[in-house]
Amino acid sequence: EAGHAICALHCEHAPPIERVSIRGDLGALGYVRYAQHVHRYVVTRQQLRDTICVLFGGREAEALLLDDLSAGAAQDIERAAAIARALVEELGMAGLQPRRYDGEMADGTRAAIDTAISEVLAEEQARARALVEAHRPSLVALRDRLLADKVLDATSLAAMRAGEVATDG
């Protein structure tokens, strides 16, 4: 969850975090709860791409800190792929002509769609990796604080971030 939070804190178009928990009392091992977008019916391309980046944040943090991966990111990968597919096929916001692609299509068109989706996913995964690597001290501090406290609210995160800014210059 610390990886998701670090990415969300450093993605300009990600919604603010309300709470991060690793308590596991809601049927999940942990979660990050975000504030609702002010204009939740108007979603931009960059908001969607930032969402994909944040979804990859947990997986990339595992890879960085544990040098291993767990199955915990499976749902995040599924959600990221669905958003990338919507960006390409439904919204015309990535890689291909802006039109809705659905139904029967030529093999070449399907291949182009798959390539565009893969490119979006690879770009956002790389961005998530870069963010957790660049902010590794904050990632470790957040992980340690979550292990100790189990739940952090927006005020606690803001205080930690203020400390990061003060110590990073």
Protein backbone atom coordinates (compact mmCIF):
# COMPACT_ATOMS: atom_id res chain seq x y z
CA GLU A 1 0.00 0.00 0.00
CA ALA A 2 2.95 2.31 0.59
CA GLY A 3 3.87 2.06 -3.10
CA HIS A 4 0.36 3.07 -4.16
CA ALA A 5 0.48 5.99 -1.75
CA ILE A 6 3.91 7.20 -2.89
CA CYS A 7 2.80 7.17 -6.51
CA ALA A 8 -0.46 8.94 -5.67
CA LEU A 9 1.41 11.62 -3.72
CA HIS A 10 3.67 12.30 -6.71
CA CYS A 11 1.14 12.07 -9.56
CA GLU A 12 -0.28 15.51 -10.15
CA HIS A 13 -3.70 14.29 -11.29
CA ALA A 14 -4.25 11.56 -8.70
CA PRO A 15 -6.93 12.32 -6.11
CA PRO A 16 -5.82 13.16 -2.56
CA ILE A 17 -5.46 10.23 -0.18
CA GLU A 18 -7.92 10.07 2.72
CA ARG A 19 -6.60 6.92 4.40
CA VAL A 20 -4.08 4.10 4.01
CA SER A 21 -4.64 0.87 5.90
CA ILE A 22 -2.95 -2.51 6.21
CA ARG A 23 -5.31 -3.67 8.94
CA GLY A 24 -7.11 -6.11 6.66
CA ASP A 25 -10.46 -5.66 8.36
CA LEU A 26 -12.43 -4.92 5.20
CA GLY A 27 -11.81 -8.17 3.35
CA ALA A 28 -8.58 -6.96 1.73
CA LEU A 29 -5.04 -7.12 3.03
CA GLY A 30 -4.88 -3.36 2.77
CA TYR A 31 -6.17 -0.40 0.84
CA VAL A 32 -5.68 3.23 -0.05
CA ARG A 33 -8.86 5.29 0.05
CA TYR A 34 -8.91 8.40 -2.10
CA ALA A 35 -11.04 11.54 -1.94
CA GLN A 36 -13.60 11.84 -4.70
CA HIS A 37 -12.58 14.01 -7.64
CA VAL A 38 -14.24 17.40 -7.52
CA HIS A 39 -15.59 16.86 -11.03
CA ARG A 40 -16.06 13.12 -10.91
CA TYR A 41 -18.04 12.99 -14.15
CA VAL A 42 -15.28 14.77 -16.07
CA VAL A 43 -12.25 12.49 -16.17
CA THR A 44 -9.17 13.49 -18.14
CA ARG A 45 -6.62 11.36 -19.95
CA GLN A 46 -3.96 12.35 -17.42
CA GLN A 47 -6.19 11.36 -14.49
CA LEU A 48 -6.68 7.95 -16.07
CA ARG A 49 -2.96 7.54 -16.76
CA ASP A 50 -2.12 8.61 -13.20
CA THR A 51 -4.60 6.01 -11.95
CA ILE A 52 -2.76 3.33 -13.92
CA CYS A 53 0.57 4.53 -12.50
CA VAL A 54 -0.80 4.41 -8.95
CA LEU A 55 -2.18 0.91 -9.53
CA PHE A 56 1.32 -0.24 -10.51
CA GLY A 57 2.85 1.48 -7.46
CA GLY A 58 2.24 -1.41 -5.07
CA ARG A 59 3.74 -3.98 -7.41
CA GLU A 60 6.79 -1.85 -8.15
CA ALA A 61 7.33 -1.20 -4.43
CA GLU A 62 7.26 -4.96 -3.79
CA ALA A 63 9.81 -5.51 -6.54
CA LEU A 64 12.05 -2.76 -5.16
CA LEU A 65 11.87 -3.52 -1.45
CA LEU A 66 11.31 -7.28 -1.44
CA ASP A 67 13.08 -8.21 -4.67
CA ASP A 68 10.03 -10.40 -5.30
CA LEU A 69 6.38 -10.11 -6.29
CA SER A 70 3.19 -11.41 -4.70
CA ALA A 71 -0.17 -12.28 -6.21
CA GLY A 72 -1.60 -9.29 -4.34
CA ALA A 73 -1.23 -7.07 -7.39
CA ALA A 74 -3.43 -9.23 -9.64
CA GLN A 75 -6.53 -7.07 -9.22
CA ASP A 76 -4.47 -3.90 -9.69
CA ILE A 77 -3.07 -5.24 -12.96
CA GLU A 78 -6.57 -6.19 -14.11
CA ARG A 79 -7.89 -2.70 -13.33
CA ALA A 80 -4.89 -1.03 -15.01
CA ALA A 81 -5.40 -3.11 -18.15
CA ALA A 82 -9.12 -2.25 -18.23
CA ILE A 83 -8.35 1.47 -17.99
CA ALA A 84 -5.67 1.22 -20.70
CA ARG A 85 -8.08 -0.68 -22.93
CA ALA A 86 -10.74 2.02 -22.40
CA LEU A 87 -8.21 4.75 -23.21
CA VAL A 88 -7.43 3.08 -26.54
CA GLU A 89 -10.67 1.39 -27.63
CA GLU A 90 -13.45 3.52 -26.20
CA LEU A 91 -12.10 6.99 -25.53
CA GLY A 92 -9.64 7.52 -28.37
CA MET A 93 -7.07 8.89 -25.93
CA ALA A 94 -4.04 6.71 -26.69
CA GLY A 95 -2.22 5.46 -29.72
CA LEU A 96 -4.87 5.17 -32.43
CA GLN A 97 -7.34 7.31 -34.29
CA PRO A 98 -9.95 8.76 -31.95
CA ARG A 99 -12.87 6.45 -32.58
CA ARG A 100 -14.57 3.68 -30.70
CA TYR A 101 -13.20 0.25 -31.57
CA ASP A 102 -15.63 -2.57 -30.89
CA GLY A 103 -17.07 -5.63 -32.54
CA GLU A 104 -15.45 -7.37 -35.48
CA MET A 105 -12.25 -5.89 -36.80
CA ALA A 106 -9.30 -6.85 -38.97
CA ASP A 107 -6.40 -8.73 -37.39
CA GLY A 108 -4.12 -5.76 -38.08
CA THR A 109 -6.45 -3.42 -36.24
CA ARG A 110 -6.66 -5.80 -33.26
CA ALA A 111 -2.83 -6.04 -33.22
CA ALA A 112 -2.53 -2.23 -33.30
CA ILE A 113 -4.98 -1.94 -30.40
CA ASP A 114 -3.08 -4.54 -28.37
CA THR A 115 0.19 -2.72 -29.07
CA ALA A 116 -1.27 0.64 -28.01
CA ILE A 117 -2.63 -0.88 -24.79
CA SER A 118 0.72 -2.53 -24.05
CA GLU A 119 2.51 0.78 -24.60
CA VAL A 120 0.25 2.62 -22.13
CA LEU A 121 0.75 -0.10 -19.52
CA ALA A 122 4.53 -0.21 -20.02
CA GLU A 123 4.85 3.58 -19.80
CA GLU A 124 2.85 3.81 -16.58
CA GLN A 125 4.59 0.82 -15.01
CA ALA A 126 7.95 2.44 -15.78
CA ARG A 127 6.72 5.73 -14.30
CA ALA A 128 5.58 3.94 -11.13
CA ARG A 129 8.96 2.20 -10.89
CA ALA A 130 10.77 5.52 -11.31
CA LEU A 131 8.64 7.16 -8.62
CA VAL A 132 9.16 4.47 -5.98
CA GLU A 133 12.89 4.39 -6.76
CA ALA A 134 13.22 8.19 -6.61
CA HIS A 135 11.30 8.33 -3.32
CA ARG A 136 12.68 5.17 -1.74
CA PRO A 137 13.46 6.81 1.64
CA SER A 138 9.85 8.05 1.87
CA LEU A 139 8.57 4.65 0.71
CA VAL A 140 10.53 2.87 3.47
CA ALA A 141 9.41 5.41 6.08
CA LEU A 142 5.77 5.03 5.03
CA ARG A 143 6.04 1.23 5.04
CA ASP A 144 7.56 1.29 8.53
CA ARG A 145 4.93 3.70 9.82
CA LEU A 146 2.15 1.52 8.36
CA LEU A 147 3.63 -1.59 9.96
CA ALA A 148 3.65 0.21 13.30
CA ASP A 149 0.30 2.04 13.14
CA LYS A 150 -1.66 -0.08 10.60
CA VAL A 151 -3.73 2.95 9.53
CA LEU A 152 -2.71 6.45 8.45
CA ASP A 153 -5.07 9.30 7.70
CA ALA A 154 -4.56 12.31 5.45
CA THR A 155 -3.17 14.42 8.31
CA SER A 156 -0.52 11.81 9.15
CA LEU A 157 0.45 11.53 5.48
CA ALA A 158 0.72 15.31 5.17
CA ALA A 159 2.98 15.45 8.23
CA MET A 160 5.19 12.71 6.78
CA ARG A 161 5.32 14.50 3.43
CA ALA A 162 6.25 17.79 5.13
CA GLY A 163 9.11 15.93 6.84
CA GLU A 164 10.20 14.52 3.48
CA VAL A 165 10.30 17.99 1.95
CA ALA A 166 12.19 19.37 4.96
CA THR A 167 14.84 16.62 4.85
CA ASP A 168 15.11 16.37 1.04
CA GLY A 169 15.62 20.11 0.63
